[in-house]
Amino acid sequence: MKKLTIAALCLALAGCVNVNKELVATGGSRADGTVDLSYEQASIENVKIDPVKGVATARERCQAWGYKDAAPFGGESRMCQVSTNYGCNQWLATIKYQCLGNVPASPAK
């Protein structure tokens, strides 16, 4: 009984690991006006991201492409990177952002 209690306590504590993660650019399309920002998450982590920093990172990429701003678009997708017999141990979470404002047209030659 004591071993079972200790095992349950370890599992409960393992699920409570709070981690701050930075969103990093992992893809996107200038033509479509989208930016993908991602972070990795271990199965024992409870990840906290700063949505304001995420928008700022996406905005910076969009502005480099000639757009004015960016906004989160479509929620979060997750893809398992490390799978075991017990489930997924490592995830890649991606948030898509939409660039806003028209890209200036190229001058005609």
PDB file of N, CA and C in Angstrom:
ATOM      1  N   MET A   1       0.820  -1.193   0.000  1.00  0.00           N
ATOM      2  CA  MET A   1       0.000   0.000   0.000  1.00  0.00           C
ATOM      3  C   MET A   1       0.866   1.260   0.000  1.00  0.00           C
ATOM      4  N   LYS A   2       1.967   1.193   0.762  1.00  0.00           N
ATOM      5  CA  LYS A   2       2.858   2.349   0.853  1.00  0.00           C
ATOM      6  C   LYS A   2       3.484   2.667  -0.509  1.00  0.00           C
ATOM      7  N   LYS A   3       3.875   1.617  -1.247  1.00  0.00           N
ATOM      8  CA  LYS A   3       4.471   1.824  -2.573  1.00  0.00           C
ATOM      9  C   LYS A   3       3.455   2.449  -3.532  1.00  0.00           C
ATOM     10  N   LEU A   4       2.220   2.011  -3.439  1.00  0.00           N
ATOM     11  CA  LEU A   4       1.164   2.553  -4.296  1.00  0.00           C
ATOM     12  C   LEU A   4       0.920   4.027  -3.995  1.00  0.00           C
ATOM     13  N   THR A   5       0.935   4.385  -2.732  1.00  0.00           N
ATOM     14  CA  THR A   5       0.749   5.782  -2.332  1.00  0.00           C
ATOM     15  C   THR A   5       1.894   6.649  -2.839  1.00  0.00           C
ATOM     16  N   ILE A   6       3.114   6.150  -2.712  1.00  0.00           N
ATOM     17  CA  ILE A   6       4.288   6.898  -3.189  1.00  0.00           C
ATOM     18  C   ILE A   6       4.231   7.050  -4.706  1.00  0.00           C
ATOM     19  N   ALA A   7       3.853   5.986  -5.411  1.00  0.00           N
ATOM     20  CA  ALA A   7       3.754   6.057  -6.872  1.00  0.00           C
ATOM     21  C   ALA A   7       2.692   7.070  -7.294  1.00  0.00           C
ATOM     22  N   ALA A   8       1.548   7.065  -6.623  1.00  0.00           N
ATOM     23  CA  ALA A   8       0.481   8.020  -6.950  1.00  0.00           C
ATOM     24  C   ALA A   8       0.929   9.447  -6.681  1.00  0.00           C
ATOM     25  N   LEU A   9       1.649   9.650  -5.580  1.00  0.00           N
ATOM     26  CA  LEU A   9       2.157  10.981  -5.251  1.00  0.00           C
ATOM     27  C   LEU A   9       3.157  11.460  -6.301  1.00  0.00           C
ATOM     28  N   CYS A  10       4.048  10.577  -6.740  1.00  0.00           N
ATOM     29  CA  CYS A  10       5.031  10.944  -7.779  1.00  0.00           C
ATOM     30  C   CYS A  10       4.335  11.333  -9.076  1.00  0.00           C
ATOM     31  N   LEU A  11       3.326  10.565  -9.470  1.00  0.00           N
ATOM     32  CA  LEU A  11       2.596  10.891 -10.697  1.00  0.00           C
ATOM     33  C   LEU A  11       1.867  12.220 -10.570  1.00  0.00           C
ATOM     34  N   ALA A  12       1.292  12.474  -9.414  1.00  0.00           N
ATOM     35  CA  ALA A  12       0.575  13.740  -9.206  1.00  0.00           C
ATOM     36  C   ALA A  12       1.534  14.914  -9.269  1.00  0.00           C
ATOM     37  N   LEU A  13       2.696  14.777  -8.670  1.00  0.00           N
ATOM     38  CA  LEU A  13       3.676  15.862  -8.693  1.00  0.00           C
ATOM     39  C   LEU A  13       4.268  16.057 -10.083  1.00  0.00           C
ATOM     40  N   ALA A  14       4.476  14.962 -10.806  1.00  0.00           N
ATOM     41  CA  ALA A  14       5.065  15.062 -12.146  1.00  0.00           C
ATOM     42  C   ALA A  14       4.165  15.846 -13.092  1.00  0.00           C
ATOM     43  N   GLY A  15       2.865  15.737 -12.930  1.00  0.00           N
ATOM     44  CA  GLY A  15       1.934  16.446 -13.793  1.00  0.00           C
ATOM     45  C   GLY A  15       1.812  17.921 -13.468  1.00  0.00           C
ATOM     46  N   CYS A  16       2.510  18.374 -12.461  1.00  0.00           N
ATOM     47  CA  CYS A  16       2.383  19.753 -12.003  1.00  0.00           C
ATOM     48  C   CYS A  16       3.617  20.590 -12.305  1.00  0.00           C
ATOM     49  N   VAL A  17       4.427  20.175 -13.245  1.00  0.00           N
ATOM     50  CA  VAL A  17       5.635  20.922 -13.584  1.00  0.00           C
ATOM     51  C   VAL A  17       5.235  22.089 -14.482  1.00  0.00           C
ATOM     52  N   ASN A  18       5.238  23.297 -13.932  1.00  0.00           N
ATOM     53  CA  ASN A  18       4.903  24.495 -14.703  1.00  0.00           C
ATOM     54  C   ASN A  18       6.156  25.020 -15.387  1.00  0.00           C
ATOM     55  N   VAL A  19       6.059  25.252 -16.690  1.00  0.00           N
ATOM     56  CA  VAL A  19       7.201  25.694 -17.483  1.00  0.00           C
ATOM     57  C   VAL A  19       6.770  26.850 -18.377  1.00  0.00           C
ATOM     58  N   ASN A  20       7.556  27.923 -18.388  1.00  0.00           N
ATOM     59  CA  ASN A  20       7.331  29.025 -19.327  1.00  0.00           C
ATOM     60  C   ASN A  20       8.091  28.721 -20.607  1.00  0.00           C
ATOM     61  N   LYS A  21       7.422  28.839 -21.746  1.00  0.00           N
ATOM     62  CA  LYS A  21       8.048  28.570 -23.043  1.00  0.00           C
ATOM     63  C   LYS A  21       7.899  29.778 -23.948  1.00  0.00           C
ATOM     64  N   GLU A  22       8.887  29.973 -24.796  1.00  0.00           N
ATOM     65  CA  GLU A  22       8.858  31.032 -25.809  1.00  0.00           C
ATOM     66  C   GLU A  22       8.355  30.439 -27.124  1.00  0.00           C
ATOM     67  N   LEU A  23       7.515  31.167 -27.812  1.00  0.00           N
ATOM     68  CA  LEU A  23       7.079  30.766 -29.146  1.00  0.00           C
ATOM     69  C   LEU A  23       8.155  31.160 -30.149  1.00  0.00           C
ATOM     70  N   VAL A  24       8.522  30.226 -31.028  1.00  0.00           N
ATOM     71  CA  VAL A  24       9.528  30.506 -32.053  1.00  0.00           C
ATOM     72  C   VAL A  24       8.921  30.246 -33.431  1.00  0.00           C
ATOM     73  N   ALA A  25       9.374  31.021 -34.412  1.00  0.00           N
ATOM     74  CA  ALA A  25       8.867  30.877 -35.778  1.00  0.00           C
ATOM     75  C   ALA A  25       9.339  29.541 -36.351  1.00  0.00           C
ATOM     76  N   THR A  26       8.392  28.755 -36.850  1.00  0.00           N
ATOM     77  CA  THR A  26       8.717  27.453 -37.431  1.00  0.00           C
ATOM     78  C   THR A  26       8.186  27.295 -38.851  1.00  0.00           C
ATOM     79  N   GLY A  27       7.507  28.307 -39.363  1.00  0.00           N
ATOM     80  CA  GLY A  27       6.979  28.206 -40.715  1.00  0.00           C
ATOM     81  C   GLY A  27       6.038  29.350 -41.012  1.00  0.00           C
ATOM     82  N   GLY A  28       5.423  29.248 -42.153  1.00  0.00           N
ATOM     83  CA  GLY A  28       4.483  30.275 -42.574  1.00  0.00           C
ATOM     84  C   GLY A  28       4.581  30.494 -44.067  1.00  0.00           C
ATOM     85  N   SER A  29       3.807  31.444 -44.553  1.00  0.00           N
ATOM     86  CA  SER A  29       3.775  31.737 -45.980  1.00  0.00           C
ATOM     87  C   SER A  29       3.546  33.225 -46.191  1.00  0.00           C
ATOM     88  N   ARG A  30       4.474  33.858 -46.875  1.00  0.00           N
ATOM     89  CA  ARG A  30       4.306  35.279 -47.197  1.00  0.00           C
ATOM     90  C   ARG A  30       3.090  35.466 -48.104  1.00  0.00           C
ATOM     91  N   ALA A  31       2.958  34.595 -49.103  1.00  0.00           N
ATOM     92  CA  ALA A  31       1.853  34.719 -50.060  1.00  0.00           C
ATOM     93  C   ALA A  31       0.493  34.546 -49.378  1.00  0.00           C
ATOM     94  N   ASP A  32       0.410  33.612 -48.433  1.00  0.00           N
ATOM     95  CA  ASP A  32      -0.846  33.379 -47.717  1.00  0.00           C
ATOM     96  C   ASP A  32      -1.018  34.315 -46.531  1.00  0.00           C
ATOM     97  N   GLY A  33       0.067  34.998 -46.142  1.00  0.00           N
ATOM     98  CA  GLY A  33       0.006  35.898 -44.994  1.00  0.00           C
ATOM     99  C   GLY A  33      -0.187  35.160 -43.679  1.00  0.00           C
ATOM    100  N   THR A  34       0.539  34.049 -43.510  1.00  0.00           N
ATOM    101  CA  THR A  34       0.447  33.293 -42.264  1.00  0.00           C
ATOM    102  C   THR A  34       1.833  33.062 -41.672  1.00  0.00           C
ATOM    103  N   VAL A  35       1.885  33.004 -40.353  1.00  0.00           N
ATOM    104  CA  VAL A  35       3.115  32.720 -39.617  1.00  0.00           C
ATOM    105  C   VAL A  35       2.806  31.611 -38.620  1.00  0.00           C
ATOM    106  N   ASP A  36       3.668  30.593 -38.568  1.00  0.00           N
ATOM    107  CA  ASP A  36       3.522  29.511 -37.598  1.00  0.00           C
ATOM    108  C   ASP A  36       4.541  29.706 -36.484  1.00  0.00           C
ATOM    109  N   LEU A  37       4.059  29.749 -35.241  1.00  0.00           N
ATOM    110  CA  LEU A  37       4.924  29.823 -34.066  1.00  0.00           C
ATOM    111  C   LEU A  37       4.701  28.563 -33.239  1.00  0.00           C
ATOM    112  N   SER A  38       5.803  27.981 -32.740  1.00  0.00           N
ATOM    113  CA  SER A  38       5.706  26.696 -32.049  1.00  0.00           C
ATOM    114  C   SER A  38       6.492  26.669 -30.750  1.00  0.00           C
ATOM    115  N   TYR A  39       6.167  25.670 -29.931  1.00  0.00           N
ATOM    116  CA  TYR A  39       6.940  25.339 -28.736  1.00  0.00           C
ATOM    117  C   TYR A  39       6.849  23.832 -28.525  1.00  0.00           C
ATOM    118  N   GLU A  40       7.861  23.270 -27.840  1.00  0.00           N
ATOM    119  CA  GLU A  40       7.853  21.850 -27.516  1.00  0.00           C
ATOM    120  C   GLU A  40       7.342  21.662 -26.090  1.00  0.00           C
ATOM    121  N   GLN A  41       6.632  20.554 -25.884  1.00  0.00           N
ATOM    122  CA  GLN A  41       6.058  20.277 -24.569  1.00  0.00           C
ATOM    123  C   GLN A  41       6.239  18.811 -24.226  1.00  0.00           C
ATOM    124  N   ALA A  42       6.913  18.542 -23.100  1.00  0.00           N
ATOM    125  CA  ALA A  42       7.004  17.177 -22.586  1.00  0.00           C
ATOM    126  C   ALA A  42       5.673  16.816 -21.935  1.00  0.00           C
ATOM    127  N   SER A  43       5.392  15.526 -21.867  1.00  0.00           N
ATOM    128  CA  SER A  43       4.095  15.090 -21.334  1.00  0.00           C
ATOM    129  C   SER A  43       3.899  15.477 -19.868  1.00  0.00           C
ATOM    130  N   ILE A  44       4.980  15.702 -19.126  1.00  0.00           N
ATOM    131  CA  ILE A  44       4.849  16.054 -17.704  1.00  0.00           C
ATOM    132  C   ILE A  44       4.794  17.558 -17.471  1.00  0.00           C
ATOM    133  N   GLU A  45       4.858  18.344 -18.538  1.00  0.00           N
ATOM    134  CA  GLU A  45       4.897  19.802 -18.398  1.00  0.00           C
ATOM    135  C   GLU A  45       3.515  20.431 -18.542  1.00  0.00           C
ATOM    136  N   ASN A  46       3.290  21.456 -17.759  1.00  0.00           N
ATOM    137  CA  ASN A  46       2.137  22.334 -17.902  1.00  0.00           C
ATOM    138  C   ASN A  46       2.700  23.652 -18.441  1.00  0.00           C
ATOM    139  N   VAL A  47       2.596  23.851 -19.743  1.00  0.00           N
ATOM    140  CA  VAL A  47       3.272  24.971 -20.409  1.00  0.00           C
ATOM    141  C   VAL A  47       2.463  26.256 -20.315  1.00  0.00           C
ATOM    142  N   LYS A  48       3.163  27.322 -20.028  1.00  0.00           N
ATOM    143  CA  LYS A  48       2.602  28.674 -20.051  1.00  0.00           C
ATOM    144  C   LYS A  48       3.333  29.443 -21.144  1.00  0.00           C
ATOM    145  N   ILE A  49       2.566  30.055 -22.043  1.00  0.00           N
ATOM    146  CA  ILE A  49       3.158  30.922 -23.062  1.00  0.00           C
ATOM    147  C   ILE A  49       2.593  32.323 -22.870  1.00  0.00           C
ATOM    148  N   ASP A  50       3.328  33.300 -23.339  1.00  0.00           N
ATOM    149  CA  ASP A  50       2.883  34.692 -23.258  1.00  0.00           C
ATOM    150  C   ASP A  50       2.236  35.048 -24.593  1.00  0.00           C
ATOM    151  N   PRO A  51       0.900  35.149 -24.644  1.00  0.00           N
ATOM    152  CA  PRO A  51       0.240  35.437 -25.916  1.00  0.00           C
ATOM    153  C   PRO A  51       0.618  36.798 -26.489  1.00  0.00           C
ATOM    154  N   VAL A  52       0.952  37.757 -25.634  1.00  0.00           N
ATOM    155  CA  VAL A  52       1.350  39.087 -26.117  1.00  0.00           C
ATOM    156  C   VAL A  52       2.680  38.991 -26.863  1.00  0.00           C
ATOM    157  N   LYS A  53       3.627  38.226 -26.311  1.00  0.00           N
ATOM    158  CA  LYS A  53       4.908  38.024 -26.998  1.00  0.00           C
ATOM    159  C   LYS A  53       4.713  37.258 -28.303  1.00  0.00           C
ATOM    160  N   GLY A  54       3.773  36.309 -28.311  1.00  0.00           N
ATOM    161  CA  GLY A  54       3.489  35.559 -29.529  1.00  0.00           C
ATOM    162  C   GLY A  54       3.012  36.468 -30.649  1.00  0.00           C
ATOM    163  N   VAL A  55       2.078  37.357 -30.334  1.00  0.00           N
ATOM    164  CA  VAL A  55       1.579  38.305 -31.339  1.00  0.00           C
ATOM    165  C   VAL A  55       2.708  39.224 -31.793  1.00  0.00           C
ATOM    166  N   ALA A  56       3.559  39.663 -30.856  1.00  0.00           N
ATOM    167  CA  ALA A  56       4.669  40.556 -31.213  1.00  0.00           C
ATOM    168  C   ALA A  56       5.650  39.856 -32.155  1.00  0.00           C
ATOM    169  N   THR A  57       5.938  38.579 -31.898  1.00  0.00           N
ATOM    170  CA  THR A  57       6.841  37.815 -32.765  1.00  0.00           C
ATOM    171  C   THR A  57       6.234  37.645 -34.153  1.00  0.00           C
ATOM    172  N   ALA A  58       4.952  37.295 -34.209  1.00  0.00           N
ATOM    173  CA  ALA A  58       4.276  37.131 -35.501  1.00  0.00           C
ATOM    174  C   ALA A  58       4.189  38.464 -36.240  1.00  0.00           C
ATOM    175  N   ARG A  59       3.891  39.542 -35.519  1.00  0.00           N
ATOM    176  CA  ARG A  59       3.795  40.871 -36.125  1.00  0.00           C
ATOM    177  C   ARG A  59       5.129  41.262 -36.767  1.00  0.00           C
ATOM    178  N   GLU A  60       6.215  40.979 -36.065  1.00  0.00           N
ATOM    179  CA  GLU A  60       7.550  41.301 -36.590  1.00  0.00           C
ATOM    180  C   GLU A  60       7.803  40.591 -37.920  1.00  0.00           C
ATOM    181  N   ARG A  61       7.444  39.314 -37.984  1.00  0.00           N
ATOM    182  CA  ARG A  61       7.618  38.547 -39.227  1.00  0.00           C
ATOM    183  C   ARG A  61       6.713  39.106 -40.320  1.00  0.00           C
ATOM    184  N   CYS A  62       5.451  39.385 -39.981  1.00  0.00           N
ATOM    185  CA  CYS A  62       4.507  39.922 -40.966  1.00  0.00           C
ATOM    186  C   CYS A  62       4.971  41.281 -41.491  1.00  0.00           C
ATOM    187  N   GLN A  63       5.455  42.139 -40.602  1.00  0.00           N
ATOM    188  CA  GLN A  63       5.925  43.461 -41.028  1.00  0.00           C
ATOM    189  C   GLN A  63       7.142  43.350 -41.936  1.00  0.00           C
ATOM    190  N   ALA A  64       7.986  42.361 -41.709  1.00  0.00           N
ATOM    191  CA  ALA A  64       9.134  42.144 -42.601  1.00  0.00           C
ATOM    192  C   ALA A  64       8.664  41.774 -44.007  1.00  0.00           C
ATOM    193  N   TRP A  65       7.469  41.209 -44.103  1.00  0.00           N
ATOM    194  CA  TRP A  65       6.893  40.847 -45.396  1.00  0.00           C
ATOM    195  C   TRP A  65       6.042  41.960 -45.991  1.00  0.00           C
ATOM    196  N   GLY A  66       5.881  43.072 -45.273  1.00  0.00           N
ATOM    197  CA  GLY A  66       5.108  44.193 -45.793  1.00  0.00           C
ATOM    198  C   GLY A  66       3.694  44.313 -45.254  1.00  0.00           C
ATOM    199  N   TYR A  67       3.287  43.409 -44.374  1.00  0.00           N
ATOM    200  CA  TYR A  67       1.969  43.513 -43.747  1.00  0.00           C
ATOM    201  C   TYR A  67       2.046  44.469 -42.561  1.00  0.00           C
ATOM    202  N   LYS A  68       0.891  44.874 -42.051  1.00  0.00           N
ATOM    203  CA  LYS A  68       0.858  45.845 -40.952  1.00  0.00           C
ATOM    204  C   LYS A  68       0.830  45.197 -39.572  1.00  0.00           C
ATOM    205  N   ASP A  69       0.135  44.068 -39.415  1.00  0.00           N
ATOM    206  CA  ASP A  69      -0.082  43.502 -38.083  1.00  0.00           C
ATOM    207  C   ASP A  69      -0.287  41.991 -38.195  1.00  0.00           C
ATOM    208  N   ALA A  70      -0.552  41.347 -37.048  1.00  0.00           N
ATOM    209  CA  ALA A  70      -0.821  39.910 -37.013  1.00  0.00           C
ATOM    210  C   ALA A  70      -1.799  39.606 -35.886  1.00  0.00           C
ATOM    211  N   ALA A  71      -2.538  38.511 -36.048  1.00  0.00           N
ATOM    212  CA  ALA A  71      -3.479  38.069 -35.019  1.00  0.00           C
ATOM    213  C   ALA A  71      -3.519  36.544 -35.012  1.00  0.00           C
ATOM    214  N   PRO A  72      -3.747  35.928 -33.836  1.00  0.00           N
ATOM    215  CA  PRO A  72      -3.867  34.467 -33.783  1.00  0.00           C
ATOM    216  C   PRO A  72      -5.006  34.000 -34.683  1.00  0.00           C
ATOM    217  N   PHE A  73      -4.821  32.823 -35.278  1.00  0.00           N
ATOM    218  CA  PHE A  73      -5.744  32.367 -36.305  1.00  0.00           C
ATOM    219  C   PHE A  73      -5.892  30.854 -36.211  1.00  0.00           C
ATOM    220  N   GLY A  74      -7.044  30.382 -35.791  1.00  0.00           N
ATOM    221  CA  GLY A  74      -7.330  28.953 -35.887  1.00  0.00           C
ATOM    222  C   GLY A  74      -6.907  28.087 -34.717  1.00  0.00           C
ATOM    223  N   GLY A  75      -6.502  28.653 -33.605  1.00  0.00           N
ATOM    224  CA  GLY A  75      -6.174  27.831 -32.443  1.00  0.00           C
ATOM    225  C   GLY A  75      -4.806  27.181 -32.517  1.00  0.00           C
ATOM    226  N   GLU A  76      -4.646  26.092 -31.759  1.00  0.00           N
ATOM    227  CA  GLU A  76      -3.360  25.418 -31.614  1.00  0.00           C
ATOM    228  C   GLU A  76      -3.459  23.999 -32.152  1.00  0.00           C
ATOM    229  N   SER A  77      -2.434  23.563 -32.879  1.00  0.00           N
ATOM    230  CA  SER A  77      -2.367  22.169 -33.315  1.00  0.00           C
ATOM    231  C   SER A  77      -1.191  21.508 -32.608  1.00  0.00           C
ATOM    232  N   ARG A  78      -1.329  20.219 -32.341  1.00  0.00           N
ATOM    233  CA  ARG A  78      -0.265  19.490 -31.645  1.00  0.00           C
ATOM    234  C   ARG A  78       0.089  18.239 -32.435  1.00  0.00           C
ATOM    235  N   MET A  79       1.400  17.964 -32.516  1.00  0.00           N
ATOM    236  CA  MET A  79       1.880  16.784 -33.214  1.00  0.00           C
ATOM    237  C   MET A  79       2.848  16.045 -32.290  1.00  0.00           C
ATOM    238  N   CYS A  80       2.646  14.746 -32.131  1.00  0.00           N
ATOM    239  CA  CYS A  80       3.511  13.949 -31.274  1.00  0.00           C
ATOM    240  C   CYS A  80       4.876  13.782 -31.940  1.00  0.00           C
ATOM    241  N   GLN A  81       5.932  14.067 -31.185  1.00  0.00           N
ATOM    242  CA  GLN A  81       7.294  13.903 -31.694  1.00  0.00           C
ATOM    243  C   GLN A  81       7.972  12.659 -31.134  1.00  0.00           C
ATOM    244  N   VAL A  82       7.638  12.277 -29.894  1.00  0.00           N
ATOM    245  CA  VAL A  82       8.234  11.102 -29.255  1.00  0.00           C
ATOM    246  C   VAL A  82       7.107  10.258 -28.673  1.00  0.00           C
ATOM    247  N   SER A  83       6.895   9.102 -29.281  1.00  0.00           N
ATOM    248  CA  SER A  83       5.819   8.225 -28.857  1.00  0.00           C
ATOM    249  C   SER A  83       6.393   6.972 -28.194  1.00  0.00           C
ATOM    250  N   THR A  84       5.704   6.482 -27.158  1.00  0.00           N
ATOM    251  CA  THR A  84       6.082   5.233 -26.491  1.00  0.00           C
ATOM    252  C   THR A  84       4.849   4.338 -26.425  1.00  0.00           C
ATOM    253  N   ASN A  85       5.009   3.178 -25.820  1.00  0.00           N
ATOM    254  CA  ASN A  85       3.866   2.277 -25.637  1.00  0.00           C
ATOM    255  C   ASN A  85       2.816   2.873 -24.708  1.00  0.00           C
ATOM    256  N   TYR A  86       3.190   3.892 -23.951  1.00  0.00           N
ATOM    257  CA  TYR A  86       2.283   4.498 -22.975  1.00  0.00           C
ATOM    258  C   TYR A  86       1.672   5.810 -23.467  1.00  0.00           C
ATOM    259  N   GLY A  87       1.960   6.193 -24.688  1.00  0.00           N
ATOM    260  CA  GLY A  87       1.417   7.434 -25.235  1.00  0.00           C
ATOM    261  C   GLY A  87       2.521   8.352 -25.718  1.00  0.00           C
ATOM    262  N   CYS A  88       2.198   9.601 -25.855  1.00  0.00           N
ATOM    263  CA  CYS A  88       3.149  10.585 -26.373  1.00  0.00           C
ATOM    264  C   CYS A  88       3.939  11.213 -25.223  1.00  0.00           C
ATOM    265  N   ASN A  89       5.253  11.256 -25.367  1.00  0.00           N
ATOM    266  CA  ASN A  89       6.111  11.866 -24.341  1.00  0.00           C
ATOM    267  C   ASN A  89       6.572  13.268 -24.707  1.00  0.00           C
ATOM    268  N   GLN A  90       6.501  13.636 -25.982  1.00  0.00           N
ATOM    269  CA  GLN A  90       6.972  14.957 -26.423  1.00  0.00           C
ATOM    270  C   GLN A  90       6.072  15.448 -27.550  1.00  0.00           C
ATOM    271  N   TRP A  91       5.560  16.661 -27.391  1.00  0.00           N
ATOM    272  CA  TRP A  91       4.661  17.264 -28.376  1.00  0.00           C
ATOM    273  C   TRP A  91       5.306  18.489 -29.000  1.00  0.00           C
ATOM    274  N   LEU A  92       4.925  18.782 -30.240  1.00  0.00           N
ATOM    275  CA  LEU A  92       5.226  20.065 -30.868  1.00  0.00           C
ATOM    276  C   LEU A  92       3.883  20.762 -31.048  1.00  0.00           C
ATOM    277  N   ALA A  93       3.710  21.868 -30.352  1.00  0.00           N
ATOM    278  CA  ALA A  93       2.469  22.643 -30.439  1.00  0.00           C
ATOM    279  C   ALA A  93       2.717  23.850 -31.334  1.00  0.00           C
ATOM    280  N   THR A  94       1.817  24.097 -32.266  1.00  0.00           N
ATOM    281  CA  THR A  94       1.968  25.192 -33.222  1.00  0.00           C
ATOM    282  C   THR A  94       0.713  26.053 -33.227  1.00  0.00           C
ATOM    283  N   ILE A  95       0.936  27.358 -33.189  1.00  0.00           N
ATOM    284  CA  ILE A  95      -0.152  28.333 -33.269  1.00  0.00           C
ATOM    285  C   ILE A  95       0.035  29.121 -34.558  1.00  0.00           C
ATOM    286  N   LYS A  96      -1.010  29.182 -35.364  1.00  0.00           N
ATOM    287  CA  LYS A  96      -0.956  29.906 -36.636  1.00  0.00           C
ATOM    288  C   LYS A  96      -1.449  31.333 -36.420  1.00  0.00           C
ATOM    289  N   TYR A  97      -0.757  32.280 -37.035  1.00  0.00           N
ATOM    290  CA  TYR A  97      -1.126  33.696 -36.978  1.00  0.00           C
ATOM    291  C   TYR A  97      -1.396  34.178 -38.396  1.00  0.00           C
ATOM    292  N   GLN A  98      -2.397  35.040 -38.530  1.00  0.00           N
ATOM    293  CA  GLN A  98      -2.739  35.642 -39.814  1.00  0.00           C
ATOM    294  C   GLN A  98      -2.147  37.039 -39.874  1.00  0.00           C
ATOM    295  N   CYS A  99      -1.414  37.322 -40.950  1.00  0.00           N
ATOM    296  CA  CYS A  99      -0.920  38.684 -41.172  1.00  0.00           C
ATOM    297  C   CYS A  99      -2.095  39.553 -41.613  1.00  0.00           C
ATOM    298  N   LEU A 100      -2.126  40.787 -41.144  1.00  0.00           N
ATOM    299  CA  LEU A 100      -3.232  41.704 -41.433  1.00  0.00           C
ATOM    300  C   LEU A 100      -2.733  42.924 -42.189  1.00  0.00           C
ATOM    301  N   GLY A 101      -3.587  43.482 -43.025  1.00  0.00           N
ATOM    302  CA  GLY A 101      -3.202  44.645 -43.833  1.00  0.00           C
ATOM    303  C   GLY A 101      -2.628  44.165 -45.155  1.00  0.00           C
ATOM    304  N   ASN A 102      -2.892  44.908 -46.187  1.00  0.00           N
ATOM    305  CA  ASN A 102      -2.454  44.502 -47.521  1.00  0.00           C
ATOM    306  C   ASN A 102      -0.964  44.689 -47.712  1.00  0.00           C
ATOM    307  N   VAL A 103      -0.375  43.757 -48.436  1.00  0.00           N
ATOM    308  CA  VAL A 103       1.019  43.908 -48.843  1.00  0.00           C
ATOM    309  C   VAL A 103       1.035  44.922 -49.971  1.00  0.00           C
ATOM    310  N   PRO A 104       1.937  45.926 -49.920  1.00  0.00           N
ATOM    311  CA  PRO A 104       1.991  46.899 -51.004  1.00  0.00           C
ATOM    312  C   PRO A 104       2.275  46.210 -52.338  1.00  0.00           C
ATOM    313  N   ALA A 105       1.551  46.613 -53.354  1.00  0.00           N
ATOM    314  CA  ALA A 105       1.762  46.046 -54.686  1.00  0.00           C
ATOM    315  C   ALA A 105       3.109  46.489 -55.228  1.00  0.00           C
ATOM    316  N   SER A 106       3.740  45.602 -55.973  1.00  0.00           N
ATOM    317  CA  SER A 106       5.010  45.957 -56.609  1.00  0.00           C
ATOM    318  C   SER A 106       4.739  46.959 -57.719  1.00  0.00           C
ATOM    319  N   PRO A 107       5.600  47.980 -57.863  1.00  0.00           N
ATOM    320  CA  PRO A 107       5.384  48.952 -58.936  1.00  0.00           C
ATOM    321  C   PRO A 107       5.511  48.290 -60.304  1.00  0.00           C
ATOM    322  N   ALA A 108       4.651  48.681 -61.215  1.00  0.00           N
ATOM    323  CA  ALA A 108       4.688  48.140 -62.579  1.00  0.00           C
ATOM    324  C   ALA A 108       5.909  48.667 -63.307  1.00  0.00           C
ATOM    325  N   LYS A 109       6.469  47.834 -64.151  1.00  0.00           N
ATOM    326  CA  LYS A 109       7.659  48.245 -64.913  1.00  0.00           C
ATOM    327  C   LYS A 109       7.284  48.692 -66.288  1.00  0.00           C
TER     328      LYS A 109
END
